C-alpha atoms as a PDB file:
ATOM      1  CA  MET A   1       7.982  17.735   2.753  1.00  0.00           C
ATOM      2  CA  THR A   2       6.868  16.197  -0.532  1.00  0.00           C
ATOM      3  CA  SER A   3       5.111  12.942  -1.584  1.00  0.00           C
ATOM      4  CA  ALA A   4       6.834   9.728  -2.335  1.00  0.00           C
ATOM      5  CA  ALA A   5       4.507   9.295  -5.344  1.00  0.00           C
ATOM      6  CA  ALA A   6       7.145  10.545  -7.878  1.00  0.00           C
ATOM      7  CA  GLY A   7       9.486   7.775  -6.742  1.00  0.00           C
ATOM      8  CA  VAL A   8       6.998   4.816  -7.107  1.00  0.00           C
ATOM      9  CA  PRO A   9       7.796   2.913 -10.236  1.00  0.00           C
ATOM     10  CA  ALA A  10       5.153   2.352 -12.857  1.00  0.00           C
ATOM     11  CA  ARG A  11       5.630  -1.350 -12.725  1.00  0.00           C
ATOM     12  CA  ARG A  12       4.888  -2.235  -9.141  1.00  0.00           C
ATOM     13  CA  THR A  13       6.296  -5.607  -8.199  1.00  0.00           C
ATOM     14  CA  LEU A  14       7.355  -5.799  -4.582  1.00  0.00           C
ATOM     15  CA  ARG A  15      11.009  -6.217  -5.631  1.00  0.00           C
ATOM     16  CA  MET A  16      10.839  -3.096  -7.745  1.00  0.00           C
ATOM     17  CA  LEU A  17       9.026  -1.167  -5.047  1.00  0.00           C
ATOM     18  CA  ARG A  18      11.517  -2.211  -2.313  1.00  0.00           C
ATOM     19  CA  THR A  19      14.500  -1.168  -4.550  1.00  0.00           C
ATOM     20  CA  ALA A  20      12.917   2.177  -5.327  1.00  0.00           C
ATOM     21  CA  ALA A  21      12.093   2.941  -1.684  1.00  0.00           C
ATOM     22  CA  ARG A  22      15.720   2.640  -0.661  1.00  0.00           C
ATOM     23  CA  THR A  23      16.461   6.083  -1.906  1.00  0.00           C
ATOM     24  CA  CYS A  24      13.213   7.758  -0.868  1.00  0.00           C
ATOM     25  CA  ARG A  25      13.715  11.319   0.273  1.00  0.00           C
ATOM     26  CA  ALA A  26      10.099  12.474   0.372  1.00  0.00           C
ATOM     27  CA  CYS A  27      10.344  13.563   4.059  1.00  0.00           C
ATOM     28  CA  HIS A  28      13.206  14.381   6.368  1.00  0.00           C
ATOM     29  CA  LEU A  29      13.114  11.144   8.354  1.00  0.00           C
ATOM     30  CA  TRP A  30      15.695   9.457   6.063  1.00  0.00           C
ATOM     31  CA  ARG A  31      18.455  11.864   7.372  1.00  0.00           C
ATOM     32  CA  THR A  32      18.495  10.267  10.857  1.00  0.00           C
ATOM     33  CA  ALA A  33      17.376   6.738   9.904  1.00  0.00           C
ATOM     34  CA  THR A  34      19.874   4.071   9.113  1.00  0.00           C
ATOM     35  CA  GLN A  35      17.887   2.817   6.102  1.00  0.00           C
ATOM     36  CA  THR A  36      14.463   2.353   4.557  1.00  0.00           C
ATOM     37  CA  VAL A  37      12.600  -0.543   6.180  1.00  0.00           C
ATOM     38  CA  PHE A  38      10.127  -1.722   3.529  1.00  0.00           C
ATOM     39  CA  GLY A  39       7.495  -4.411   4.001  1.00  0.00           C
ATOM     40  CA  GLU A  40       8.265  -8.141   3.672  1.00  0.00           C
ATOM     41  CA  GLY A  41       6.415 -11.317   3.157  1.00  0.00           C
ATOM     42  CA  ARG A  42       4.532 -13.337   0.476  1.00  0.00           C
ATOM     43  CA  ALA A  43       3.661 -11.420  -2.707  1.00  0.00           C
ATOM     44  CA  THR A  44       0.294 -13.303  -2.744  1.00  0.00           C
ATOM     45  CA  ALA A  45      -0.376 -13.026   0.978  1.00  0.00           C
ATOM     46  CA  ASP A  46      -4.048 -13.263   2.125  1.00  0.00           C
ATOM     47  CA  VAL A  47      -3.284 -11.129   5.177  1.00  0.00           C
ATOM     48  CA  MET A  48      -1.320  -7.901   5.337  1.00  0.00           C
ATOM     49  CA  LEU A  49      -0.407  -6.532   8.726  1.00  0.00           C
ATOM     50  CA  VAL A  50       0.260  -2.771   8.889  1.00  0.00           C
ATOM     51  CA  GLY A  51       2.067  -1.150  11.815  1.00  0.00           C
ATOM     52  CA  GLU A  52       3.166   2.444  12.463  1.00  0.00           C
ATOM     53  CA  GLU A  53       6.903   2.678  11.740  1.00  0.00           C
ATOM     54  CA  PRO A  54      10.118   0.628  12.224  1.00  0.00           C
ATOM     55  CA  GLY A  55      11.745   0.699  15.596  1.00  0.00           C
ATOM     56  CA  ASN A  56      15.325   0.786  16.589  1.00  0.00           C
ATOM     57  CA  ASP A  57      15.969  -2.904  15.979  1.00  0.00           C
ATOM     58  CA  GLU A  58      14.182  -2.767  12.611  1.00  0.00           C
ATOM     59  CA  ASP A  59      16.126   0.336  11.547  1.00  0.00           C
ATOM     60  CA  LEU A  60      19.424  -1.413  12.176  1.00  0.00           C
ATOM     61  CA  ALA A  61      18.352  -4.742  10.687  1.00  0.00           C
ATOM     62  CA  GLY A  62      16.510  -3.397   7.684  1.00  0.00           C
ATOM     63  CA  HIS A  63      13.538  -5.742   8.238  1.00  0.00           C
ATOM     64  CA  PRO A  64      10.163  -5.037   9.772  1.00  0.00           C
ATOM     65  CA  PHE A  65       8.945  -6.420  13.157  1.00  0.00           C
ATOM     66  CA  VAL A  66      12.136  -8.096  14.196  1.00  0.00           C
ATOM     67  CA  GLY A  67      12.460  -6.419  17.630  1.00  0.00           C
ATOM     68  CA  PRO A  68      10.633  -7.037  20.849  1.00  0.00           C
ATOM     69  CA  ALA A  69       7.232  -6.040  19.342  1.00  0.00           C
ATOM     70  CA  GLY A  70       7.986  -8.371  16.492  1.00  0.00           C
ATOM     71  CA  ARG A  71       8.511 -11.267  18.782  1.00  0.00           C
ATOM     72  CA  VAL A  72       5.144 -10.519  20.445  1.00  0.00           C
ATOM     73  CA  LEU A  73       3.478 -10.427  17.012  1.00  0.00           C
ATOM     74  CA  ASP A  74       5.108 -13.786  16.082  1.00  0.00           C
ATOM     75  CA  GLU A  75       3.913 -15.462  19.279  1.00  0.00           C
ATOM     76  CA  ALA A  76       0.374 -14.039  18.870  1.00  0.00           C
ATOM     77  CA  LEU A  77       0.182 -15.180  15.260  1.00  0.00           C
ATOM     78  CA  ALA A  78       1.319 -18.597  16.232  1.00  0.00           C
ATOM     79  CA  GLN A  79      -1.274 -18.854  18.968  1.00  0.00           C
ATOM     80  CA  ALA A  80      -3.970 -17.679  16.482  1.00  0.00           C
ATOM     81  CA  GLY A  81      -2.857 -20.267  13.963  1.00  0.00           C
ATOM     82  CA  ILE A  82      -1.588 -17.860  11.403  1.00  0.00           C
ATOM     83  CA  ASP A  83       1.793 -18.529   9.745  1.00  0.00           C
ATOM     84  CA  ARG A  84       3.716 -15.292   9.656  1.00  0.00           C
ATOM     85  CA  HIS A  85       5.660 -16.525   6.618  1.00  0.00           C
ATOM     86  CA  ARG A  86       2.382 -16.567   4.675  1.00  0.00           C
ATOM     87  CA  THR A  87       1.600 -12.991   5.622  1.00  0.00           C
ATOM     88  CA  TYR A  88       2.937  -9.586   4.548  1.00  0.00           C
ATOM     89  CA  VAL A  89       4.107  -7.222   7.200  1.00  0.00           C
ATOM     90  CA  THR A  90       4.812  -3.566   6.705  1.00  0.00           C
ATOM     91  CA  ASN A  91       4.367  -0.099   8.246  1.00  0.00           C
ATOM     92  CA  VAL A  92       2.708   3.175   7.388  1.00  0.00           C
ATOM     93  CA  VAL A  93       6.064   5.002   7.596  1.00  0.00           C
ATOM     94  CA  LYS A  94       9.222   3.275   6.368  1.00  0.00           C
ATOM     95  CA  HIS A  95      11.930   5.217   8.297  1.00  0.00           C
ATOM     96  CA  PHE A  96      12.485   5.197  12.022  1.00  0.00           C
ATOM     97  CA  LYS A  97      11.649   8.407  13.731  1.00  0.00           C
ATOM     98  CA  TRP A  98      13.413   8.873  17.061  1.00  0.00           C
ATOM     99  CA  GLU A  99      14.634  11.241  19.669  1.00  0.00           C
ATOM    100  CA  PRO A 100      17.781  10.825  21.773  1.00  0.00           C
ATOM    101  CA  ARG A 101      17.687   9.840  25.402  1.00  0.00           C
ATOM    102  CA  GLY A 102      21.185   9.400  26.657  1.00  0.00           C
ATOM    103  CA  LYS A 103      22.812   6.789  24.389  1.00  0.00           C
ATOM    104  CA  ARG A 104      19.393   5.363  23.397  1.00  0.00           C
ATOM    105  CA  ARG A 105      17.248   6.124  20.433  1.00  0.00           C
ATOM    106  CA  ILE A 106      13.575   6.422  21.572  1.00  0.00           C
ATOM    107  CA  HIS A 107      10.663   5.948  19.267  1.00  0.00           C
ATOM    108  CA  ALA A 108       8.866   9.214  18.324  1.00  0.00           C
ATOM    109  CA  LYS A 109       5.397   9.071  16.736  1.00  0.00           C
ATOM    110  CA  PRO A 110       5.258  10.161  13.027  1.00  0.00           C
ATOM    111  CA  ASN A 111       3.203  13.184  12.377  1.00  0.00           C
ATOM    112  CA  ALA A 112       0.471  13.628   9.699  1.00  0.00           C
ATOM    113  CA  ALA A 113       2.815  15.192   7.149  1.00  0.00           C
ATOM    114  CA  GLU A 114       5.329  12.340   7.453  1.00  0.00           C
ATOM    115  CA  ILE A 115       2.571   9.784   7.143  1.00  0.00           C
ATOM    116  CA  ALA A 116       1.122  11.517   4.016  1.00  0.00           C
ATOM    117  CA  ALA A 117       4.563  11.723   2.438  1.00  0.00           C
ATOM    118  CA  CYS A 118       5.139   8.003   2.809  1.00  0.00           C
ATOM    119  CA  ARG A 119       1.579   6.895   2.001  1.00  0.00           C
ATOM    120  CA  PRO A 120       2.214   6.120  -1.740  1.00  0.00           C
ATOM    121  CA  TRP A 121       4.506   3.324  -0.767  1.00  0.00           C
ATOM    122  CA  LEU A 122       1.843   1.631   1.326  1.00  0.00           C
ATOM    123  CA  ASP A 123      -0.758   2.103  -1.377  1.00  0.00           C
ATOM    124  CA  ALA A 124       1.639   0.511  -3.849  1.00  0.00           C
ATOM    125  CA  GLU A 125       2.231  -2.419  -1.554  1.00  0.00           C
ATOM    126  CA  ILE A 126      -1.487  -3.020  -1.085  1.00  0.00           C
ATOM    127  CA  ALA A 127      -1.970  -2.858  -4.868  1.00  0.00           C
ATOM    128  CA  ALA A 128       0.829  -5.339  -5.459  1.00  0.00           C
ATOM    129  CA  VAL A 129      -0.115  -7.849  -2.802  1.00  0.00           C
ATOM    130  CA  ARG A 130      -3.936  -7.534  -3.141  1.00  0.00           C
ATOM    131  CA  PRO A 131      -4.586  -9.062   0.316  1.00  0.00           C
ATOM    132  CA  ARG A 132      -7.949 -10.467   1.358  1.00  0.00           C
ATOM    133  CA  VAL A 133      -7.545  -8.941   4.808  1.00  0.00           C
ATOM    134  CA  ILE A 134      -5.713  -5.902   6.120  1.00  0.00           C
ATOM    135  CA  VAL A 135      -5.007  -5.823   9.837  1.00  0.00           C
ATOM    136  CA  CYS A 136      -4.122  -2.353  11.184  1.00  0.00           C
ATOM    137  CA  LEU A 137      -1.859  -2.696  14.188  1.00  0.00           C
ATOM    138  CA  GLY A 138      -2.391   0.265  16.503  1.00  0.00           C
ATOM    139  CA  ALA A 139      -3.958   3.703  16.247  1.00  0.00           C
ATOM    140  CA  THR A 140      -1.560   5.249  13.679  1.00  0.00           C
ATOM    141  CA  ALA A 141      -2.099   2.567  11.085  1.00  0.00           C
ATOM    142  CA  ALA A 142      -5.929   2.469  11.736  1.00  0.00           C
ATOM    143  CA  LYS A 143      -6.309   6.223  11.421  1.00  0.00           C
ATOM    144  CA  ALA A 144      -4.181   6.293   8.260  1.00  0.00           C
ATOM    145  CA  LEU A 145      -6.138   3.563   6.502  1.00  0.00           C
ATOM    146  CA  ILE A 146      -9.651   3.625   8.001  1.00  0.00           C
ATOM    147  CA  GLY A 147     -10.010   7.340   8.957  1.00  0.00           C
ATOM    148  CA  PRO A 148      -8.979   9.896  11.574  1.00  0.00           C
ATOM    149  CA  SER A 149     -12.092   9.329  13.764  1.00  0.00           C
ATOM    150  CA  PHE A 150     -11.464   5.583  14.199  1.00  0.00           C
ATOM    151  CA  ARG A 151     -10.769   4.558  17.760  1.00  0.00           C
ATOM    152  CA  VAL A 152      -9.009   1.259  18.273  1.00  0.00           C
ATOM    153  CA  SER A 153     -10.071   1.101  21.919  1.00  0.00           C
ATOM    154  CA  LEU A 154     -13.735   1.136  20.880  1.00  0.00           C
ATOM    155  CA  GLU A 155     -13.717  -0.691  17.578  1.00  0.00           C
ATOM    156  CA  ARG A 156     -10.878  -3.178  17.696  1.00  0.00           C
ATOM    157  CA  GLY A 157     -11.674  -6.569  16.132  1.00  0.00           C
ATOM    158  CA  LYS A 158     -14.671  -5.332  14.108  1.00  0.00           C
ATOM    159  CA  TRP A 159     -14.873  -6.062  10.429  1.00  0.00           C
ATOM    160  CA  LEU A 160     -14.925  -3.052   8.157  1.00  0.00           C
ATOM    161  CA  ARG A 161     -15.721  -2.939   4.473  1.00  0.00           C
ATOM    162  CA  GLU A 162     -15.024  -0.087   2.077  1.00  0.00           C
ATOM    163  CA  PRO A 163     -16.016   2.661   1.748  1.00  0.00           C
ATOM    164  CA  PHE A 164     -15.355   3.762   5.221  1.00  0.00           C
ATOM    165  CA  SER A 165     -16.459   7.175   6.527  1.00  0.00           C
ATOM    166  CA  LEU A 166     -14.684   8.996   3.688  1.00  0.00           C
ATOM    167  CA  THR A 167     -15.659  12.118   1.900  1.00  0.00           C
ATOM    168  CA  ALA A 168     -16.249  11.926  -1.863  1.00  0.00           C
ATOM    169  CA  ALA A 169     -12.806  13.524  -2.453  1.00  0.00           C
ATOM    170  CA  GLU A 170     -11.063  11.005  -0.196  1.00  0.00           C
ATOM    171  CA  LYS A 171     -12.828   8.099  -1.895  1.00  0.00           C
ATOM    172  CA  GLY A 172     -11.574   9.344  -5.272  1.00  0.00           C
ATOM    173  CA  SER A 173      -7.990   9.621  -4.065  1.00  0.00           C
ATOM    174  CA  ARG A 174      -7.629   6.218  -2.330  1.00  0.00           C
ATOM    175  CA  SER A 175      -6.802   2.934  -3.967  1.00  0.00           C
ATOM    176  CA  HIS A 176      -8.698  -0.232  -3.235  1.00  0.00           C
ATOM    177  CA  PHE A 177      -7.541  -1.664   0.066  1.00  0.00           C
ATOM    178  CA  ALA A 178      -8.913  -5.154   0.698  1.00  0.00           C
ATOM    179  CA  PRO A 179     -12.322  -6.922   0.883  1.00  0.00           C
ATOM    180  CA  LEU A 180     -11.991  -6.863   4.734  1.00  0.00           C
ATOM    181  CA  VAL A 181     -10.200  -4.537   7.046  1.00  0.00           C
ATOM    182  CA  THR A 182      -9.902  -4.700  10.799  1.00  0.00           C
ATOM    183  CA  ALA A 183      -7.847  -3.097  13.543  1.00  0.00           C
ATOM    184  CA  THR A 184      -6.271  -4.226  16.856  1.00  0.00           C
ATOM    185  CA  VAL A 185      -3.570  -2.944  19.172  1.00  0.00           C
ATOM    186  CA  HIS A 186       0.032  -2.607  18.193  1.00  0.00           C
ATOM    187  CA  PRO A 187       2.071  -5.478  19.823  1.00  0.00           C
ATOM    188  CA  SER A 188       4.326  -2.895  21.372  1.00  0.00           C
ATOM    189  CA  SER A 189       1.422  -1.788  23.523  1.00  0.00           C
ATOM    190  CA  ILE A 190       1.411  -5.165  25.295  1.00  0.00           C
ATOM    191  CA  LEU A 191       5.051  -4.721  26.257  1.00  0.00           C
ATOM    192  CA  ARG A 192       4.161  -1.329  27.892  1.00  0.00           C
ATOM    193  CA  GLU A 193       1.517  -2.822  30.179  1.00  0.00           C
ATOM    194  CA  ARG A 194       2.157  -2.195  33.877  1.00  0.00           C
ATOM    195  CA  ASP A 195       2.785  -5.847  35.014  1.00  0.00           C
ATOM    196  CA  SER A 196       2.738  -9.413  33.965  1.00  0.00           C
ATOM    197  CA  THR A 197      -0.943  -9.947  34.647  1.00  0.00           C
ATOM    198  CA  ALA A 198      -1.906  -6.996  32.485  1.00  0.00           C
ATOM    199  CA  ARG A 199       0.435  -8.100  29.752  1.00  0.00           C
ATOM    200  CA  HIS A 200      -1.040 -11.631  29.790  1.00  0.00           C
ATOM    201  CA  GLN A 201      -4.600 -10.133  29.542  1.00  0.00           C
ATOM    202  CA  ALA A 202      -3.596  -7.825  26.728  1.00  0.00           C
ATOM    203  CA  MET A 203      -1.940 -10.702  24.881  1.00  0.00           C
ATOM    204  CA  ARG A 204      -5.117 -12.836  25.247  1.00  0.00           C
ATOM    205  CA  SER A 205      -7.142 -10.041  23.750  1.00  0.00           C
ATOM    206  CA  PHE A 206      -4.645  -9.485  20.890  1.00  0.00           C
ATOM    207  CA  VAL A 207      -4.684 -13.231  20.120  1.00  0.00           C
ATOM    208  CA  ARG A 208      -8.485 -13.228  20.136  1.00  0.00           C
ATOM    209  CA  ASP A 209      -8.532 -10.410  17.554  1.00  0.00           C
ATOM    210  CA  LEU A 210      -6.135 -12.411  15.345  1.00  0.00           C
ATOM    211  CA  LYS A 211      -8.215 -15.604  15.645  1.00  0.00           C
ATOM    212  CA  LYS A 212     -11.084 -13.622  14.089  1.00  0.00           C
ATOM    213  CA  VAL A 213      -8.808 -13.060  11.113  1.00  0.00           C
ATOM    214  CA  LYS A 214      -7.889 -16.741  10.997  1.00  0.00           C
ATOM    215  CA  ALA A 215     -11.570 -17.669  10.981  1.00  0.00           C
ATOM    216  CA  ARG A 216     -12.177 -15.565   7.923  1.00  0.00           C
ATOM    217  CA  LEU A 217      -9.425 -17.298   5.929  1.00  0.00           C
END
């Protein structure tokens, strides 16, 4: 396992980054993934939404958040009054990690080494877009960007400003994120709720978090 840093081009336009990331071999996930799924959206987006990793549908299509969780995200953004086409959506890890279950490919959570290997791509995306707000979708994104002690269940929807609870060494190694950072659940968690009532309640809470983002824009 190495770092993707060596593959990140010196000139960091989104087009150049996307092209360079196609051949990333920093970790082993590329071996079983169909392709790199890089972030997409406006190069001058005010809002960057960061998830965990592409899923099965994203891996096949080559685009982020186009599967069931992506449809939940689209609906929630619309209810919150945020135009997805004016945002930038990406993931902490750019390759689909999965395990077989019969003929299906089931999502597997990326580990710390895989997240660290892929991190230079996310840092480069943030530097290129320079969003006003970063929204971490789910625990993996929140822990990667905010810190390992962050708990979405306790601190979702709160506004955070840099520096977070980082050590001096961590502060020196991280690029500027955004003036405001917040976290909420990953839209896939809404789909996993036990019944329609629970899903409805979870969706309302998700939309409420996104409305806070809208209010700051």
